[in-house]
Amino acid sequence: QVQLVETGGRLVQAGDSLRLSCAVSGGTVSAYAMGWFRQAPGKEREFVAAINDSGGATSTVSSVKGRFTISRDNDKNTLYLQMNSLKPEDTGVYYCAADQNYCLGSKCKYDYWGPGTQVTVSS
């Protein structure tokens, strides 16, 4: 059974940085395209960033470009999201997802999801 577990979320102040991690077990992360999504309080879940299986191609939502960077370490079976210059509107539960069909982006049919990690950015 493939499992994804996100870690790294915490309470921070505006302008701070965080790095989220997504550990994959029960499978090899190199066999999946990966993505990050988030859900703010009272809002729908939204796409944040995605990366292909090799790490050679990425996609990022416009609101976080220049601030967030998605990356992966296939040797460690781990996906990362580096978040800089955090804003209060970045607050939400961040989810890691995996696509076994190597689709890149927001419209893919992601097959596996983690339980999420809470990121709270105060003003």
C-alpha atoms as a PDB file:
ATOM      1  CA  GLN A   1       0.000   0.000   0.000  1.00  0.00           C
ATOM      2  CA  VAL A   2       1.467   3.334  -1.078  1.00  0.00           C
ATOM      3  CA  GLN A   3       1.465   5.895   1.713  1.00  0.00           C
ATOM      4  CA  LEU A   4       2.353   9.588   1.690  1.00  0.00           C
ATOM      5  CA  VAL A   5       3.063  11.524   4.890  1.00  0.00           C
ATOM      6  CA  GLU A   6       3.647  15.287   4.983  1.00  0.00           C
ATOM      7  CA  THR A   7       5.779  16.949   7.656  1.00  0.00           C
ATOM      8  CA  GLY A   8       7.152  20.405   8.383  1.00  0.00           C
ATOM      9  CA  GLY A   9       4.038  22.512   8.819  1.00  0.00           C
ATOM     10  CA  ARG A  10       3.900  24.918  11.767  1.00  0.00           C
ATOM     11  CA  LEU A  11       2.937  28.405  12.891  1.00  0.00           C
ATOM     12  CA  VAL A  12       5.143  31.132  11.412  1.00  0.00           C
ATOM     13  CA  GLN A  13       5.045  34.881  10.888  1.00  0.00           C
ATOM     14  CA  ALA A  14       4.641  36.667   7.572  1.00  0.00           C
ATOM     15  CA  GLY A  15       7.940  36.777   5.713  1.00  0.00           C
ATOM     16  CA  ASP A  16       9.257  33.560   7.254  1.00  0.00           C
ATOM     17  CA  SER A  17      10.278  30.416   5.390  1.00  0.00           C
ATOM     18  CA  LEU A  18       9.290  26.768   5.727  1.00  0.00           C
ATOM     19  CA  ARG A  19      10.213  23.545   3.996  1.00  0.00           C
ATOM     20  CA  LEU A  20       7.596  20.837   3.775  1.00  0.00           C
ATOM     21  CA  SER A  21       8.512  17.219   3.156  1.00  0.00           C
ATOM     22  CA  CYS A  22       6.487  14.322   1.811  1.00  0.00           C
ATOM     23  CA  ALA A  23       7.817  10.857   2.568  1.00  0.00           C
ATOM     24  CA  VAL A  24       6.649   8.043   0.306  1.00  0.00           C
ATOM     25  CA  SER A  25       6.478   4.443   1.483  1.00  0.00           C
ATOM     26  CA  GLY A  26       5.139   1.262  -0.076  1.00  0.00           C
ATOM     27  CA  GLY A  27       6.417   2.377  -3.459  1.00  0.00           C
ATOM     28  CA  THR A  28       9.233   4.142  -5.270  1.00  0.00           C
ATOM     29  CA  VAL A  29       8.757   7.884  -5.573  1.00  0.00           C
ATOM     30  CA  SER A  30      10.599   7.914  -8.909  1.00  0.00           C
ATOM     31  CA  ALA A  31       7.651   6.032 -10.397  1.00  0.00           C
ATOM     32  CA  TYR A  32       5.303   8.974  -9.801  1.00  0.00           C
ATOM     33  CA  ALA A  33       4.757  12.531 -10.828  1.00  0.00           C
ATOM     34  CA  MET A  34       4.125  14.461  -7.608  1.00  0.00           C
ATOM     35  CA  GLY A  35       2.124  17.489  -6.559  1.00  0.00           C
ATOM     36  CA  TRP A  36       1.366  19.821  -3.669  1.00  0.00           C
ATOM     37  CA  PHE A  37      -2.130  21.112  -2.942  1.00  0.00           C
ATOM     38  CA  ARG A  38      -3.499  23.271  -0.138  1.00  0.00           C
ATOM     39  CA  GLN A  39      -6.839  24.095   1.418  1.00  0.00           C
ATOM     40  CA  ALA A  40      -7.360  27.368   3.258  1.00  0.00           C
ATOM     41  CA  PRO A  41     -10.041  27.728   5.950  1.00  0.00           C
ATOM     42  CA  GLY A  42     -13.449  28.057   4.321  1.00  0.00           C
ATOM     43  CA  LYS A  43     -12.071  27.601   0.800  1.00  0.00           C
ATOM     44  CA  GLU A  44     -11.757  24.825  -1.762  1.00  0.00           C
ATOM     45  CA  ARG A  45      -8.588  22.806  -2.173  1.00  0.00           C
ATOM     46  CA  GLU A  46      -6.259  24.353  -4.738  1.00  0.00           C
ATOM     47  CA  PHE A  47      -3.230  23.292  -6.726  1.00  0.00           C
ATOM     48  CA  VAL A  48       0.125  24.701  -5.633  1.00  0.00           C
ATOM     49  CA  ALA A  49       2.931  22.963  -7.521  1.00  0.00           C
ATOM     50  CA  ALA A  50       3.862  19.776  -9.356  1.00  0.00           C
ATOM     51  CA  ILE A  51       6.985  17.976 -10.520  1.00  0.00           C
ATOM     52  CA  ASN A  52       7.530  15.150 -12.971  1.00  0.00           C
ATOM     53  CA  ASP A  53       9.023  11.781 -12.104  1.00  0.00           C
ATOM     54  CA  SER A  54      12.635  12.740 -12.833  1.00  0.00           C
ATOM     55  CA  GLY A  55      12.440  16.272 -11.409  1.00  0.00           C
ATOM     56  CA  GLY A  56      13.297  17.845 -14.747  1.00  0.00           C
ATOM     57  CA  ALA A  57       9.997  19.673 -15.184  1.00  0.00           C
ATOM     58  CA  THR A  58       7.835  21.647 -12.738  1.00  0.00           C
ATOM     59  CA  SER A  59       4.586  23.580 -12.672  1.00  0.00           C
ATOM     60  CA  THR A  60       3.605  26.221 -10.105  1.00  0.00           C
ATOM     61  CA  VAL A  61       0.472  28.260  -9.504  1.00  0.00           C
ATOM     62  CA  SER A  62       1.019  31.942 -10.320  1.00  0.00           C
ATOM     63  CA  SER A  63       0.328  33.155  -6.780  1.00  0.00           C
ATOM     64  CA  VAL A  64       3.426  31.402  -5.398  1.00  0.00           C
ATOM     65  CA  LYS A  65       5.878  31.815  -8.283  1.00  0.00           C
ATOM     66  CA  GLY A  66       9.138  33.317  -7.122  1.00  0.00           C
ATOM     67  CA  ARG A  67       8.425  32.252  -3.542  1.00  0.00           C
ATOM     68  CA  PHE A  68       7.783  28.487  -3.589  1.00  0.00           C
ATOM     69  CA  THR A  69       9.990  25.799  -5.118  1.00  0.00           C
ATOM     70  CA  ILE A  70       9.046  22.155  -5.563  1.00  0.00           C
ATOM     71  CA  SER A  71      11.777  19.527  -5.699  1.00  0.00           C
ATOM     72  CA  ARG A  72      12.326  15.841  -5.124  1.00  0.00           C
ATOM     73  CA  ASP A  73      15.036  13.481  -3.938  1.00  0.00           C
ATOM     74  CA  ASN A  74      14.268  10.130  -5.489  1.00  0.00           C
ATOM     75  CA  ASP A  75      17.091   8.423  -3.586  1.00  0.00           C
ATOM     76  CA  LYS A  76      15.378   9.403  -0.323  1.00  0.00           C
ATOM     77  CA  ASN A  77      11.851   8.738  -1.617  1.00  0.00           C
ATOM     78  CA  THR A  78      10.931  12.285  -0.608  1.00  0.00           C
ATOM     79  CA  LEU A  79       9.172  15.293  -2.135  1.00  0.00           C
ATOM     80  CA  TYR A  80       9.818  18.844  -0.900  1.00  0.00           C
ATOM     81  CA  LEU A  81       8.165  22.248  -1.016  1.00  0.00           C
ATOM     82  CA  GLN A  82      10.404  25.170  -0.090  1.00  0.00           C
ATOM     83  CA  MET A  83       8.251  28.154   0.879  1.00  0.00           C
ATOM     84  CA  ASN A  84       9.833  31.595   1.219  1.00  0.00           C
ATOM     85  CA  SER A  85       8.349  35.020   1.959  1.00  0.00           C
ATOM     86  CA  LEU A  86       5.227  33.443   3.404  1.00  0.00           C
ATOM     87  CA  LYS A  87       2.025  35.464   3.464  1.00  0.00           C
ATOM     88  CA  PRO A  88      -1.127  35.070   5.584  1.00  0.00           C
ATOM     89  CA  GLU A  89      -2.993  33.911   2.465  1.00  0.00           C
ATOM     90  CA  ASP A  90      -0.638  30.909   2.303  1.00  0.00           C
ATOM     91  CA  THR A  91      -2.288  29.544   5.442  1.00  0.00           C
ATOM     92  CA  GLY A  92      -3.922  26.155   5.035  1.00  0.00           C
ATOM     93  CA  VAL A  93      -3.534  22.412   5.146  1.00  0.00           C
ATOM     94  CA  TYR A  94      -0.927  21.294   2.617  1.00  0.00           C
ATOM     95  CA  TYR A  95      -1.340  17.932   0.921  1.00  0.00           C
ATOM     96  CA  CYS A  96       1.117  15.793  -1.006  1.00  0.00           C
ATOM     97  CA  ALA A  97      -0.175  13.744  -3.943  1.00  0.00           C
ATOM     98  CA  ALA A  98       1.200  11.163  -6.383  1.00  0.00           C
ATOM     99  CA  ASP A  99       0.193  10.373  -9.970  1.00  0.00           C
ATOM    100  CA  GLN A 100       1.186   6.970 -11.306  1.00  0.00           C
ATOM    101  CA  ASN A 101       0.528   7.968 -14.918  1.00  0.00           C
ATOM    102  CA  TYR A 102       3.305  10.601 -14.953  1.00  0.00           C
ATOM    103  CA  CYS A 103       0.923  13.507 -15.492  1.00  0.00           C
ATOM    104  CA  LEU A 104       2.298  16.957 -14.619  1.00  0.00           C
ATOM    105  CA  GLY A 105       0.126  19.788 -13.342  1.00  0.00           C
ATOM    106  CA  SER A 106      -3.143  20.634 -11.654  1.00  0.00           C
ATOM    107  CA  LYS A 107      -5.567  18.602 -13.775  1.00  0.00           C
ATOM    108  CA  CYS A 108      -4.006  15.185 -13.296  1.00  0.00           C
ATOM    109  CA  LYS A 109      -5.804  12.261 -11.722  1.00  0.00           C
ATOM    110  CA  TYR A 110      -3.734  11.911  -8.587  1.00  0.00           C
ATOM    111  CA  ASP A 111      -3.901   8.372  -7.247  1.00  0.00           C
ATOM    112  CA  TYR A 112      -2.530   8.780  -3.721  1.00  0.00           C
ATOM    113  CA  TRP A 113      -2.819  11.525  -1.100  1.00  0.00           C
ATOM    114  CA  GLY A 114      -1.239  12.246   2.256  1.00  0.00           C
ATOM    115  CA  PRO A 115      -3.201  13.312   5.354  1.00  0.00           C
ATOM    116  CA  GLY A 116      -1.882  16.879   5.186  1.00  0.00           C
ATOM    117  CA  THR A 117       0.197  19.197   7.354  1.00  0.00           C
ATOM    118  CA  GLN A 118      -0.999  22.517   8.777  1.00  0.00           C
ATOM    119  CA  VAL A 119       0.761  25.729   7.792  1.00  0.00           C
ATOM    120  CA  THR A 120      -0.334  28.881   9.602  1.00  0.00           C
ATOM    121  CA  VAL A 121       1.090  32.293   8.698  1.00  0.00           C
ATOM    122  CA  SER A 122       0.288  35.113  11.099  1.00  0.00           C
ATOM    123  CA  SER A 123       0.314  38.813  10.213  1.00  0.00           C
END
